[in-house]
Amino acid sequence: MSRLTLRLPQTLHTQLAGLAETEGVSLNQYIVYALSRQATLAYAVQPVSEQAVAEQRASYTALLNSLGTATFSEIEATLAEREEVEPEPGLTPEVVARLRQRIAAKKQTPQPPIN
């Protein structure tokens, strides 16, 4: 376990100490909990409103329209020029197959409505 010395404003220290006391844990435990919770929020999936989805679709459609169209031969020429790269070491065919199965299972599972 690591140790960290942290300087806090007295008002924040008092507030955290009060919250820890309310939860019945030490100040250290409460700070670790609060930091862990905040760190995991960055990785949590957040619902998107229908308005935001509509705005994203409109932006995407506008982008596609601004790009114009390409002939099949233009597309083939562009693809031929692309750089070939190796997949990441952990991205094996088995991992890809499991991900596809999980995606398919999610599509079959009814999702609760987003409010």
PDB file of N, CA and C in Angstrom:
ATOM      1  N   MET A   1       0.848  -1.172   0.000  1.00  0.00           N
ATOM      2  CA  MET A   1       0.000   0.000   0.000  1.00  0.00           C
ATOM      3  C   MET A   1       0.891   1.231   0.000  1.00  0.00           C
ATOM      4  N   SER A   2       0.471   2.249  -0.717  1.00  0.00           N
ATOM      5  CA  SER A   2       1.239   3.497  -0.816  1.00  0.00           C
ATOM      6  C   SER A   2       0.796   4.498   0.236  1.00  0.00           C
ATOM      7  N   ARG A   3       1.684   5.443   0.505  1.00  0.00           N
ATOM      8  CA  ARG A   3       1.397   6.503   1.461  1.00  0.00           C
ATOM      9  C   ARG A   3       1.469   7.821   0.717  1.00  0.00           C
ATOM     10  N   LEU A   4       0.552   8.745   1.053  1.00  0.00           N
ATOM     11  CA  LEU A   4       0.500  10.047   0.400  1.00  0.00           C
ATOM     12  C   LEU A   4       0.256  11.106   1.463  1.00  0.00           C
ATOM     13  N   THR A   5       1.109  12.120   1.475  1.00  0.00           N
ATOM     14  CA  THR A   5       0.899  13.261   2.357  1.00  0.00           C
ATOM     15  C   THR A   5       0.182  14.317   1.537  1.00  0.00           C
ATOM     16  N   LEU A   6      -0.924  14.808   2.078  1.00  0.00           N
ATOM     17  CA  LEU A   6      -1.762  15.721   1.321  1.00  0.00           C
ATOM     18  C   LEU A   6      -2.096  16.932   2.175  1.00  0.00           C
ATOM     19  N   ARG A   7      -1.943  18.117   1.620  1.00  0.00           N
ATOM     20  CA  ARG A   7      -2.307  19.351   2.318  1.00  0.00           C
ATOM     21  C   ARG A   7      -3.708  19.735   1.868  1.00  0.00           C
ATOM     22  N   LEU A   8      -4.620  19.890   2.821  1.00  0.00           N
ATOM     23  CA  LEU A   8      -6.007  20.241   2.539  1.00  0.00           C
ATOM     24  C   LEU A   8      -6.354  21.561   3.210  1.00  0.00           C
ATOM     25  N   PRO A   9      -7.217  22.346   2.585  1.00  0.00           N
ATOM     26  CA  PRO A   9      -7.748  23.509   3.294  1.00  0.00           C
ATOM     27  C   PRO A   9      -8.507  23.021   4.532  1.00  0.00           C
ATOM     28  N   GLN A  10      -8.453  23.774   5.602  1.00  0.00           N
ATOM     29  CA  GLN A  10      -9.091  23.354   6.853  1.00  0.00           C
ATOM     30  C   GLN A  10     -10.575  23.089   6.655  1.00  0.00           C
ATOM     31  N   THR A  11     -11.244  23.903   5.828  1.00  0.00           N
ATOM     32  CA  THR A  11     -12.689  23.714   5.615  1.00  0.00           C
ATOM     33  C   THR A  11     -12.970  22.372   4.950  1.00  0.00           C
ATOM     34  N   LEU A  12     -12.146  21.969   3.980  1.00  0.00           N
ATOM     35  CA  LEU A  12     -12.338  20.671   3.320  1.00  0.00           C
ATOM     36  C   LEU A  12     -12.044  19.533   4.285  1.00  0.00           C
ATOM     37  N   HIS A  13     -10.985  19.684   5.091  1.00  0.00           N
ATOM     38  CA  HIS A  13     -10.646  18.656   6.077  1.00  0.00           C
ATOM     39  C   HIS A  13     -11.808  18.454   7.053  1.00  0.00           C
ATOM     40  N   THR A  14     -12.368  19.550   7.515  1.00  0.00           N
ATOM     41  CA  THR A  14     -13.493  19.480   8.455  1.00  0.00           C
ATOM     42  C   THR A  14     -14.698  18.810   7.800  1.00  0.00           C
ATOM     43  N   GLN A  15     -14.973  19.179   6.562  1.00  0.00           N
ATOM     44  CA  GLN A  15     -16.113  18.596   5.850  1.00  0.00           C
ATOM     45  C   GLN A  15     -15.913  17.090   5.653  1.00  0.00           C
ATOM     46  N   LEU A  16     -14.711  16.677   5.227  1.00  0.00           N
ATOM     47  CA  LEU A  16     -14.439  15.253   5.029  1.00  0.00           C
ATOM     48  C   LEU A  16     -14.496  14.485   6.340  1.00  0.00           C
ATOM     49  N   ALA A  17     -13.971  15.075   7.407  1.00  0.00           N
ATOM     50  CA  ALA A  17     -14.009  14.420   8.714  1.00  0.00           C
ATOM     51  C   ALA A  17     -15.453  14.212   9.163  1.00  0.00           C
ATOM     52  N   GLY A  18     -16.308  15.212   8.931  1.00  0.00           N
ATOM     53  CA  GLY A  18     -17.721  15.080   9.285  1.00  0.00           C
ATOM     54  C   GLY A  18     -18.407  13.995   8.474  1.00  0.00           C
ATOM     55  N   LEU A  19     -18.116  13.925   7.183  1.00  0.00           N
ATOM     56  CA  LEU A  19     -18.709  12.882   6.338  1.00  0.00           C
ATOM     57  C   LEU A  19     -18.239  11.492   6.769  1.00  0.00           C
ATOM     58  N   ALA A  20     -16.952  11.388   7.113  1.00  0.00           N
ATOM     59  CA  ALA A  20     -16.418  10.101   7.570  1.00  0.00           C
ATOM     60  C   ALA A  20     -17.093   9.674   8.863  1.00  0.00           C
ATOM     61  N   GLU A  21     -17.272  10.623   9.756  1.00  0.00           N
ATOM     62  CA  GLU A  21     -17.932  10.316  11.028  1.00  0.00           C
ATOM     63  C   GLU A  21     -19.370   9.867  10.797  1.00  0.00           C
ATOM     64  N   THR A  22     -20.068  10.542   9.882  1.00  0.00           N
ATOM     65  CA  THR A  22     -21.444  10.163   9.560  1.00  0.00           C
ATOM     66  C   THR A  22     -21.512   8.745   9.027  1.00  0.00           C
ATOM     67  N   GLU A  23     -20.502   8.356   8.231  1.00  0.00           N
ATOM     68  CA  GLU A  23     -20.453   7.008   7.659  1.00  0.00           C
ATOM     69  C   GLU A  23     -19.903   5.975   8.650  1.00  0.00           C
ATOM     70  N   GLY A  24     -19.340   6.445   9.735  1.00  0.00           N
ATOM     71  CA  GLY A  24     -18.802   5.530  10.742  1.00  0.00           C
ATOM     72  C   GLY A  24     -17.485   4.892  10.340  1.00  0.00           C
ATOM     73  N   VAL A  25     -16.678   5.633   9.547  1.00  0.00           N
ATOM     74  CA  VAL A  25     -15.379   5.119   9.120  1.00  0.00           C
ATOM     75  C   VAL A  25     -14.315   6.169   9.427  1.00  0.00           C
ATOM     76  N   SER A  26     -13.052   5.758   9.325  1.00  0.00           N
ATOM     77  CA  SER A  26     -11.966   6.706   9.566  1.00  0.00           C
ATOM     78  C   SER A  26     -11.891   7.703   8.410  1.00  0.00           C
ATOM     79  N   LEU A  27     -11.238   8.819   8.677  1.00  0.00           N
ATOM     80  CA  LEU A  27     -11.055   9.838   7.648  1.00  0.00           C
ATOM     81  C   LEU A  27     -10.285   9.244   6.472  1.00  0.00           C
ATOM     82  N   ASN A  28      -9.265   8.457   6.761  1.00  0.00           N
ATOM     83  CA  ASN A  28      -8.477   7.814   5.714  1.00  0.00           C
ATOM     84  C   ASN A  28      -9.368   6.914   4.849  1.00  0.00           C
ATOM     85  N   GLN A  29     -10.187   6.072   5.491  1.00  0.00           N
ATOM     86  CA  GLN A  29     -11.074   5.174   4.740  1.00  0.00           C
ATOM     87  C   GLN A  29     -12.042   5.971   3.869  1.00  0.00           C
ATOM     88  N   TYR A  30     -12.565   7.066   4.408  1.00  0.00           N
ATOM     89  CA  TYR A  30     -13.522   7.855   3.649  1.00  0.00           C
ATOM     90  C   TYR A  30     -12.852   8.511   2.438  1.00  0.00           C
ATOM     91  N   ILE A  31     -11.641   9.033   2.621  1.00  0.00           N
ATOM     92  CA  ILE A  31     -10.939   9.673   1.505  1.00  0.00           C
ATOM     93  C   ILE A  31     -10.619   8.643   0.425  1.00  0.00           C
ATOM     94  N   VAL A  32     -10.168   7.445   0.818  1.00  0.00           N
ATOM     95  CA  VAL A  32      -9.898   6.388  -0.164  1.00  0.00           C
ATOM     96  C   VAL A  32     -11.179   6.034  -0.910  1.00  0.00           C
ATOM     97  N   TYR A  33     -12.289   5.911  -0.182  1.00  0.00           N
ATOM     98  CA  TYR A  33     -13.583   5.620  -0.809  1.00  0.00           C
ATOM     99  C   TYR A  33     -13.965   6.717  -1.803  1.00  0.00           C
ATOM    100  N   ALA A  34     -13.860   7.975  -1.392  1.00  0.00           N
ATOM    101  CA  ALA A  34     -14.259   9.095  -2.242  1.00  0.00           C
ATOM    102  C   ALA A  34     -13.390   9.170  -3.497  1.00  0.00           C
ATOM    103  N   LEU A  35     -12.094   8.963  -3.344  1.00  0.00           N
ATOM    104  CA  LEU A  35     -11.204   8.996  -4.501  1.00  0.00           C
ATOM    105  C   LEU A  35     -11.478   7.827  -5.440  1.00  0.00           C
ATOM    106  N   SER A  36     -11.717   6.651  -4.879  1.00  0.00           N
ATOM    107  CA  SER A  36     -12.033   5.478  -5.702  1.00  0.00           C
ATOM    108  C   SER A  36     -13.316   5.697  -6.477  1.00  0.00           C
ATOM    109  N   ARG A  37     -14.306   6.230  -5.818  1.00  0.00           N
ATOM    110  CA  ARG A  37     -15.598   6.491  -6.477  1.00  0.00           C
ATOM    111  C   ARG A  37     -15.430   7.490  -7.610  1.00  0.00           C
ATOM    112  N   GLN A  38     -14.676   8.552  -7.365  1.00  0.00           N
ATOM    113  CA  GLN A  38     -14.457   9.563  -8.396  1.00  0.00           C
ATOM    114  C   GLN A  38     -13.675   8.988  -9.568  1.00  0.00           C
ATOM    115  N   ALA A  39     -12.670   8.172  -9.279  1.00  0.00           N
ATOM    116  CA  ALA A  39     -11.859   7.587 -10.346  1.00  0.00           C
ATOM    117  C   ALA A  39     -12.679   6.646 -11.219  1.00  0.00           C
ATOM    118  N   THR A  40     -13.603   5.900 -10.623  1.00  0.00           N
ATOM    119  CA  THR A  40     -14.405   4.969 -11.417  1.00  0.00           C
ATOM    120  C   THR A  40     -15.480   5.678 -12.220  1.00  0.00           C
ATOM    121  N   LEU A  41     -15.883   6.877 -11.821  1.00  0.00           N
ATOM    122  CA  LEU A  41     -16.877   7.622 -12.590  1.00  0.00           C
ATOM    123  C   LEU A  41     -16.379   7.924 -13.998  1.00  0.00           C
ATOM    124  N   ALA A  42     -15.072   8.066 -14.145  1.00  0.00           N
ATOM    125  CA  ALA A  42     -14.506   8.350 -15.463  1.00  0.00           C
ATOM    126  C   ALA A  42     -14.730   7.185 -16.416  1.00  0.00           C
ATOM    127  N   TYR A  43     -14.909   5.970 -15.873  1.00  0.00           N
ATOM    128  CA  TYR A  43     -15.082   4.792 -16.709  1.00  0.00           C
ATOM    129  C   TYR A  43     -16.526   4.318 -16.767  1.00  0.00           C
ATOM    130  N   ALA A  44     -17.413   4.992 -16.067  1.00  0.00           N
ATOM    131  CA  ALA A  44     -18.808   4.571 -16.031  1.00  0.00           C
ATOM    132  C   ALA A  44     -19.531   5.029 -17.301  1.00  0.00           C
ATOM    133  N   VAL A  45     -20.459   4.214 -17.738  1.00  0.00           N
ATOM    134  CA  VAL A  45     -21.277   4.560 -18.900  1.00  0.00           C
ATOM    135  C   VAL A  45     -22.408   5.459 -18.413  1.00  0.00           C
ATOM    136  N   GLN A  46     -22.534   6.596 -19.042  1.00  0.00           N
ATOM    137  CA  GLN A  46     -23.566   7.552 -18.668  1.00  0.00           C
ATOM    138  C   GLN A  46     -24.652   7.557 -19.736  1.00  0.00           C
ATOM    139  N   PRO A  47     -25.912   7.564 -19.338  1.00  0.00           N
ATOM    140  CA  PRO A  47     -26.982   7.616 -20.341  1.00  0.00           C
ATOM    141  C   PRO A  47     -26.949   8.944 -21.101  1.00  0.00           C
ATOM    142  N   VAL A  48     -27.373   8.868 -22.354  1.00  0.00           N
ATOM    143  CA  VAL A  48     -27.402  10.053 -23.206  1.00  0.00           C
ATOM    144  C   VAL A  48     -28.856  10.376 -23.507  1.00  0.00           C
ATOM    145  N   SER A  49     -29.212  11.630 -23.407  1.00  0.00           N
ATOM    146  CA  SER A  49     -30.596  12.034 -23.643  1.00  0.00           C
ATOM    147  C   SER A  49     -30.953  11.853 -25.112  1.00  0.00           C
ATOM    148  N   GLU A  50     -32.250  11.717 -25.376  1.00  0.00           N
ATOM    149  CA  GLU A  50     -32.725  11.576 -26.748  1.00  0.00           C
ATOM    150  C   GLU A  50     -32.357  12.808 -27.575  1.00  0.00           C
ATOM    151  N   GLN A  51     -32.385  13.974 -26.949  1.00  0.00           N
ATOM    152  CA  GLN A  51     -32.014  15.209 -27.652  1.00  0.00           C
ATOM    153  C   GLN A  51     -30.546  15.150 -28.074  1.00  0.00           C
ATOM    154  N   ALA A  52     -29.670  14.674 -27.181  1.00  0.00           N
ATOM    155  CA  ALA A  52     -28.248  14.577 -27.519  1.00  0.00           C
ATOM    156  C   ALA A  52     -28.033  13.575 -28.648  1.00  0.00           C
ATOM    157  N   VAL A  53     -28.776  12.473 -28.624  1.00  0.00           N
ATOM    158  CA  VAL A  53     -28.672  11.478 -29.692  1.00  0.00           C
ATOM    159  C   VAL A  53     -29.099  12.093 -31.018  1.00  0.00           C
ATOM    160  N   ALA A  54     -30.209  12.822 -30.997  1.00  0.00           N
ATOM    161  CA  ALA A  54     -30.702  13.464 -32.218  1.00  0.00           C
ATOM    162  C   ALA A  54     -29.684  14.473 -32.746  1.00  0.00           C
ATOM    163  N   GLU A  55     -29.055  15.228 -31.853  1.00  0.00           N
ATOM    164  CA  GLU A  55     -28.046  16.207 -32.263  1.00  0.00           C
ATOM    165  C   GLU A  55     -26.826  15.518 -32.878  1.00  0.00           C
ATOM    166  N   GLN A  56     -26.414  14.386 -32.263  1.00  0.00           N
ATOM    167  CA  GLN A  56     -25.277  13.639 -32.794  1.00  0.00           C
ATOM    168  C   GLN A  56     -25.595  13.071 -34.175  1.00  0.00           C
ATOM    169  N   ARG A  57     -26.812  12.550 -34.331  1.00  0.00           N
ATOM    170  CA  ARG A  57     -27.209  12.020 -35.640  1.00  0.00           C
ATOM    171  C   ARG A  57     -27.220  13.122 -36.690  1.00  0.00           C
ATOM    172  N   ALA A  58     -27.744  14.282 -36.329  1.00  0.00           N
ATOM    173  CA  ALA A  58     -27.785  15.403 -37.270  1.00  0.00           C
ATOM    174  C   ALA A  58     -26.368  15.832 -37.656  1.00  0.00           C
ATOM    175  N   SER A  59     -25.473  15.893 -36.672  1.00  0.00           N
ATOM    176  CA  SER A  59     -24.076  16.257 -36.952  1.00  0.00           C
ATOM    177  C   SER A  59     -23.412  15.227 -37.857  1.00  0.00           C
ATOM    178  N   TYR A  60     -23.682  13.958 -37.590  1.00  0.00           N
ATOM    179  CA  TYR A  60     -23.101  12.880 -38.394  1.00  0.00           C
ATOM    180  C   TYR A  60     -23.615  12.946 -39.829  1.00  0.00           C
ATOM    181  N   THR A  61     -24.914  13.158 -39.981  1.00  0.00           N
ATOM    182  CA  THR A  61     -25.504  13.273 -41.311  1.00  0.00           C
ATOM    183  C   THR A  61     -24.921  14.471 -42.056  1.00  0.00           C
ATOM    184  N   ALA A  62     -24.766  15.588 -41.356  1.00  0.00           N
ATOM    185  CA  ALA A  62     -24.177  16.777 -41.977  1.00  0.00           C
ATOM    186  C   ALA A  62     -22.736  16.501 -42.402  1.00  0.00           C
ATOM    187  N   LEU A  63     -21.995  15.779 -41.578  1.00  0.00           N
ATOM    188  CA  LEU A  63     -20.618  15.430 -41.927  1.00  0.00           C
ATOM    189  C   LEU A  63     -20.586  14.557 -43.179  1.00  0.00           C
ATOM    190  N   LEU A  64     -21.439  13.532 -43.207  1.00  0.00           N
ATOM    191  CA  LEU A  64     -21.485  12.661 -44.380  1.00  0.00           C
ATOM    192  C   LEU A  64     -21.829  13.445 -45.637  1.00  0.00           C
ATOM    193  N   ASN A  65     -22.801  14.348 -45.524  1.00  0.00           N
ATOM    194  CA  ASN A  65     -23.200  15.154 -46.677  1.00  0.00           C
ATOM    195  C   ASN A  65     -22.062  16.065 -47.141  1.00  0.00           C
ATOM    196  N   SER A  66     -21.272  16.575 -46.198  1.00  0.00           N
ATOM    197  CA  SER A  66     -20.174  17.467 -46.567  1.00  0.00           C
ATOM    198  C   SER A  66     -19.024  16.711 -47.228  1.00  0.00           C
ATOM    199  N   LEU A  67     -18.930  15.407 -46.968  1.00  0.00           N
ATOM    200  CA  LEU A  67     -17.846  14.619 -47.548  1.00  0.00           C
ATOM    201  C   LEU A  67     -18.086  14.300 -49.016  1.00  0.00           C
ATOM    202  N   GLY A  68     -19.333  14.310 -49.433  1.00  0.00           N
ATOM    203  CA  GLY A  68     -19.641  14.001 -50.822  1.00  0.00           C
ATOM    204  C   GLY A  68     -19.632  12.501 -51.056  1.00  0.00           C
ATOM    205  N   THR A  69     -19.501  12.114 -52.309  1.00  0.00           N
ATOM    206  CA  THR A  69     -19.509  10.691 -52.652  1.00  0.00           C
ATOM    207  C   THR A  69     -18.210  10.339 -53.358  1.00  0.00           C
ATOM    208  N   ALA A  70     -17.907   9.059 -53.367  1.00  0.00           N
ATOM    209  CA  ALA A  70     -16.706   8.570 -54.036  1.00  0.00           C
ATOM    210  C   ALA A  70     -17.094   7.365 -54.877  1.00  0.00           C
ATOM    211  N   THR A  71     -16.382   7.189 -55.957  1.00  0.00           N
ATOM    212  CA  THR A  71     -16.629   6.022 -56.795  1.00  0.00           C
ATOM    213  C   THR A  71     -15.962   4.810 -56.164  1.00  0.00           C
ATOM    214  N   PHE A  72     -16.340   3.629 -56.629  1.00  0.00           N
ATOM    215  CA  PHE A  72     -15.761   2.403 -56.099  1.00  0.00           C
ATOM    216  C   PHE A  72     -14.256   2.380 -56.339  1.00  0.00           C
ATOM    217  N   SER A  73     -13.819   2.837 -57.499  1.00  0.00           N
ATOM    218  CA  SER A  73     -12.380   2.827 -57.800  1.00  0.00           C
ATOM    219  C   SER A  73     -11.626   3.819 -56.904  1.00  0.00           C
ATOM    220  N   GLU A  74     -12.231   4.952 -56.563  1.00  0.00           N
ATOM    221  CA  GLU A  74     -11.595   5.898 -55.639  1.00  0.00           C
ATOM    222  C   GLU A  74     -11.455   5.279 -54.249  1.00  0.00           C
ATOM    223  N   ILE A  75     -12.475   4.574 -53.830  1.00  0.00           N
ATOM    224  CA  ILE A  75     -12.426   3.911 -52.519  1.00  0.00           C
ATOM    225  C   ILE A  75     -11.335   2.847 -52.513  1.00  0.00           C
ATOM    226  N   GLU A  76     -11.277   2.029 -53.571  1.00  0.00           N
ATOM    227  CA  GLU A  76     -10.242   0.988 -53.661  1.00  0.00           C
ATOM    228  C   GLU A  76      -8.843   1.604 -53.647  1.00  0.00           C
ATOM    229  N   ALA A  77      -8.650   2.703 -54.350  1.00  0.00           N
ATOM    230  CA  ALA A  77      -7.345   3.356 -54.395  1.00  0.00           C
ATOM    231  C   ALA A  77      -6.948   3.883 -53.012  1.00  0.00           C
ATOM    232  N   THR A  78      -7.892   4.456 -52.313  1.00  0.00           N
ATOM    233  CA  THR A  78      -7.619   4.969 -50.961  1.00  0.00           C
ATOM    234  C   THR A  78      -7.274   3.836 -50.010  1.00  0.00           C
ATOM    235  N   LEU A  79      -8.021   2.745 -50.077  1.00  0.00           N
ATOM    236  CA  LEU A  79      -7.739   1.601 -49.216  1.00  0.00           C
ATOM    237  C   LEU A  79      -6.381   0.981 -49.529  1.00  0.00           C
ATOM    238  N   ALA A  80      -5.993   0.999 -50.785  1.00  0.00           N
ATOM    239  CA  ALA A  80      -4.704   0.436 -51.174  1.00  0.00           C
ATOM    240  C   ALA A  80      -3.546   1.255 -50.609  1.00  0.00           C
ATOM    241  N   GLU A  81      -3.773   2.526 -50.359  1.00  0.00           N
ATOM    242  CA  GLU A  81      -2.719   3.413 -49.845  1.00  0.00           C
ATOM    243  C   GLU A  81      -2.585   3.371 -48.327  1.00  0.00           C
ATOM    244  N   ARG A  82      -3.526   2.763 -47.648  1.00  0.00           N
ATOM    245  CA  ARG A  82      -3.500   2.808 -46.182  1.00  0.00           C
ATOM    246  C   ARG A  82      -2.335   2.008 -45.615  1.00  0.00           C
ATOM    247  N   GLU A  83      -1.939   2.396 -44.429  1.00  0.00           N
ATOM    248  CA  GLU A  83      -0.837   1.748 -43.736  1.00  0.00           C
ATOM    249  C   GLU A  83      -1.333   0.471 -43.064  1.00  0.00           C
ATOM    250  N   GLU A  84      -0.626  -0.616 -43.278  1.00  0.00           N
ATOM    251  CA  GLU A  84      -0.966  -1.879 -42.629  1.00  0.00           C
ATOM    252  C   GLU A  84      -0.347  -1.879 -41.231  1.00  0.00           C
ATOM    253  N   VAL A  85      -1.116  -2.220 -40.225  1.00  0.00           N
ATOM    254  CA  VAL A  85      -0.606  -2.289 -38.855  1.00  0.00           C
ATOM    255  C   VAL A  85      -0.978  -3.631 -38.248  1.00  0.00           C
ATOM    256  N   GLU A  86      -0.167  -4.062 -37.320  1.00  0.00           N
ATOM    257  CA  GLU A  86      -0.433  -5.309 -36.610  1.00  0.00           C
ATOM    258  C   GLU A  86      -1.441  -5.036 -35.496  1.00  0.00           C
ATOM    259  N   PRO A  87      -2.360  -5.975 -35.249  1.00  0.00           N
ATOM    260  CA  PRO A  87      -3.289  -5.780 -34.137  1.00  0.00           C
ATOM    261  C   PRO A  87      -2.547  -5.821 -32.803  1.00  0.00           C
ATOM    262  N   GLU A  88      -3.172  -5.266 -31.784  1.00  0.00           N
ATOM    263  CA  GLU A  88      -2.573  -5.292 -30.448  1.00  0.00           C
ATOM    264  C   GLU A  88      -2.350  -6.734 -30.031  1.00  0.00           C
ATOM    265  N   PRO A  89      -1.305  -7.004 -29.246  1.00  0.00           N
ATOM    266  CA  PRO A  89      -0.975  -8.386 -28.880  1.00  0.00           C
ATOM    267  C   PRO A  89      -2.125  -9.149 -28.213  1.00  0.00           C
ATOM    268  N   GLY A  90      -2.896  -8.487 -27.388  1.00  0.00           N
ATOM    269  CA  GLY A  90      -3.972  -9.170 -26.678  1.00  0.00           C
ATOM    270  C   GLY A  90      -5.232  -9.350 -27.498  1.00  0.00           C
ATOM    271  N   LEU A  91      -5.277  -8.774 -28.683  1.00  0.00           N
ATOM    272  CA  LEU A  91      -6.482  -8.822 -29.508  1.00  0.00           C
ATOM    273  C   LEU A  91      -6.422 -10.050 -30.415  1.00  0.00           C
ATOM    274  N   THR A  92      -6.631 -11.201 -29.800  1.00  0.00           N
ATOM    275  CA  THR A  92      -6.583 -12.468 -30.528  1.00  0.00           C
ATOM    276  C   THR A  92      -7.940 -12.742 -31.169  1.00  0.00           C
ATOM    277  N   PRO A  93      -8.005 -13.663 -32.133  1.00  0.00           N
ATOM    278  CA  PRO A  93      -9.295 -14.025 -32.721  1.00  0.00           C
ATOM    279  C   PRO A  93     -10.293 -14.520 -31.669  1.00  0.00           C
ATOM    280  N   GLU A  94      -9.801 -15.170 -30.624  1.00  0.00           N
ATOM    281  CA  GLU A  94     -10.684 -15.647 -29.563  1.00  0.00           C
ATOM    282  C   GLU A  94     -11.314 -14.483 -28.808  1.00  0.00           C
ATOM    283  N   VAL A  95     -10.505 -13.455 -28.522  1.00  0.00           N
ATOM    284  CA  VAL A  95     -11.020 -12.276 -27.821  1.00  0.00           C
ATOM    285  C   VAL A  95     -12.060 -11.577 -28.686  1.00  0.00           C
ATOM    286  N   VAL A  96     -11.785 -11.436 -29.969  1.00  0.00           N
ATOM    287  CA  VAL A  96     -12.733 -10.801 -30.881  1.00  0.00           C
ATOM    288  C   VAL A  96     -14.034 -11.598 -30.920  1.00  0.00           C
ATOM    289  N   ALA A  97     -13.945 -12.928 -30.977  1.00  0.00           N
ATOM    290  CA  ALA A  97     -15.143 -13.775 -31.007  1.00  0.00           C
ATOM    291  C   ALA A  97     -15.964 -13.606 -29.730  1.00  0.00           C
ATOM    292  N   ARG A  98     -15.293 -13.552 -28.566  1.00  0.00           N
ATOM    293  CA  ARG A  98     -16.018 -13.368 -27.295  1.00  0.00           C
ATOM    294  C   ARG A  98     -16.696 -12.000 -27.261  1.00  0.00           C
ATOM    295  N   LEU A  99     -16.010 -10.965 -27.744  1.00  0.00           N
ATOM    296  CA  LEU A  99     -16.617  -9.632 -27.777  1.00  0.00           C
ATOM    297  C   LEU A  99     -17.844  -9.604 -28.681  1.00  0.00           C
ATOM    298  N   ARG A 100     -17.744 -10.259 -29.827  1.00  0.00           N
ATOM    299  CA  ARG A 100     -18.898 -10.315 -30.735  1.00  0.00           C
ATOM    300  C   ARG A 100     -20.072 -11.040 -30.082  1.00  0.00           C
ATOM    301  N   GLN A 101     -19.783 -12.108 -29.341  1.00  0.00           N
ATOM    302  CA  GLN A 101     -20.847 -12.829 -28.630  1.00  0.00           C
ATOM    303  C   GLN A 101     -21.496 -11.940 -27.587  1.00  0.00           C
ATOM    304  N   ARG A 102     -20.696 -11.200 -26.843  1.00  0.00           N
ATOM    305  CA  ARG A 102     -21.248 -10.310 -25.812  1.00  0.00           C
ATOM    306  C   ARG A 102     -22.101  -9.216 -26.432  1.00  0.00           C
ATOM    307  N   ILE A 103     -21.641  -8.673 -27.556  1.00  0.00           N
ATOM    308  CA  ILE A 103     -22.414  -7.625 -28.232  1.00  0.00           C
ATOM    309  C   ILE A 103     -23.738  -8.189 -28.720  1.00  0.00           C
ATOM    310  N   ALA A 104     -23.701  -9.376 -29.311  1.00  0.00           N
ATOM    311  CA  ALA A 104     -24.928 -10.005 -29.804  1.00  0.00           C
ATOM    312  C   ALA A 104     -25.884 -10.292 -28.657  1.00  0.00           C
ATOM    313  N   ALA A 105     -25.352 -10.757 -27.521  1.00  0.00           N
ATOM    314  CA  ALA A 105     -26.199 -11.042 -26.358  1.00  0.00           C
ATOM    315  C   ALA A 105     -26.839  -9.772 -25.837  1.00  0.00           C
ATOM    316  N   LYS A 106     -26.089  -8.662 -25.819  1.00  0.00           N
ATOM    317  CA  LYS A 106     -26.639  -7.389 -25.358  1.00  0.00           C
ATOM    318  C   LYS A 106     -27.760  -6.907 -26.269  1.00  0.00           C
ATOM    319  N   LYS A 107     -27.609  -7.130 -27.576  1.00  0.00           N
ATOM    320  CA  LYS A 107     -28.637  -6.708 -28.521  1.00  0.00           C
ATOM    321  C   LYS A 107     -29.930  -7.486 -28.311  1.00  0.00           C
ATOM    322  N   GLN A 108     -29.807  -8.733 -27.843  1.00  0.00           N
ATOM    323  CA  GLN A 108     -30.991  -9.564 -27.633  1.00  0.00           C
ATOM    324  C   GLN A 108     -31.651  -9.297 -26.292  1.00  0.00           C
ATOM    325  N   THR A 109     -30.906  -8.742 -25.329  1.00  0.00           N
ATOM    326  CA  THR A 109     -31.434  -8.467 -24.013  1.00  0.00           C
ATOM    327  C   THR A 109     -32.209  -7.147 -24.048  1.00  0.00           C
ATOM    328  N   PRO A 110     -33.482  -7.148 -23.610  1.00  0.00           N
ATOM    329  CA  PRO A 110     -34.227  -5.878 -23.608  1.00  0.00           C
ATOM    330  C   PRO A 110     -33.580  -4.888 -22.640  1.00  0.00           C
ATOM    331  N   GLN A 111     -33.383  -3.665 -23.109  1.00  0.00           N
ATOM    332  CA  GLN A 111     -32.766  -2.616 -22.305  1.00  0.00           C
ATOM    333  C   GLN A 111     -33.841  -1.760 -21.660  1.00  0.00           C
ATOM    334  N   PRO A 112     -33.655  -1.355 -20.391  1.00  0.00           N
ATOM    335  CA  PRO A 112     -34.636  -0.475 -19.741  1.00  0.00           C
ATOM    336  C   PRO A 112     -34.649   0.882 -20.426  1.00  0.00           C
ATOM    337  N   PRO A 113     -35.796   1.546 -20.443  1.00  0.00           N
ATOM    338  CA  PRO A 113     -35.854   2.861 -21.079  1.00  0.00           C
ATOM    339  C   PRO A 113     -34.988   3.879 -20.330  1.00  0.00           C
ATOM    340  N   ILE A 114     -34.417   4.801 -21.082  1.00  0.00           N
ATOM    341  CA  ILE A 114     -33.589   5.853 -20.490  1.00  0.00           C
ATOM    342  C   ILE A 114     -34.477   7.072 -20.306  1.00  0.00           C
ATOM    343  N   ASN A 115     -34.508   7.575 -19.067  1.00  0.00           N
ATOM    344  CA  ASN A 115     -35.337   8.755 -18.769  1.00  0.00           C
ATOM    345  C   ASN A 115     -34.504   9.995 -18.716  1.00  0.00           C
TER     346      ASN A 115
END
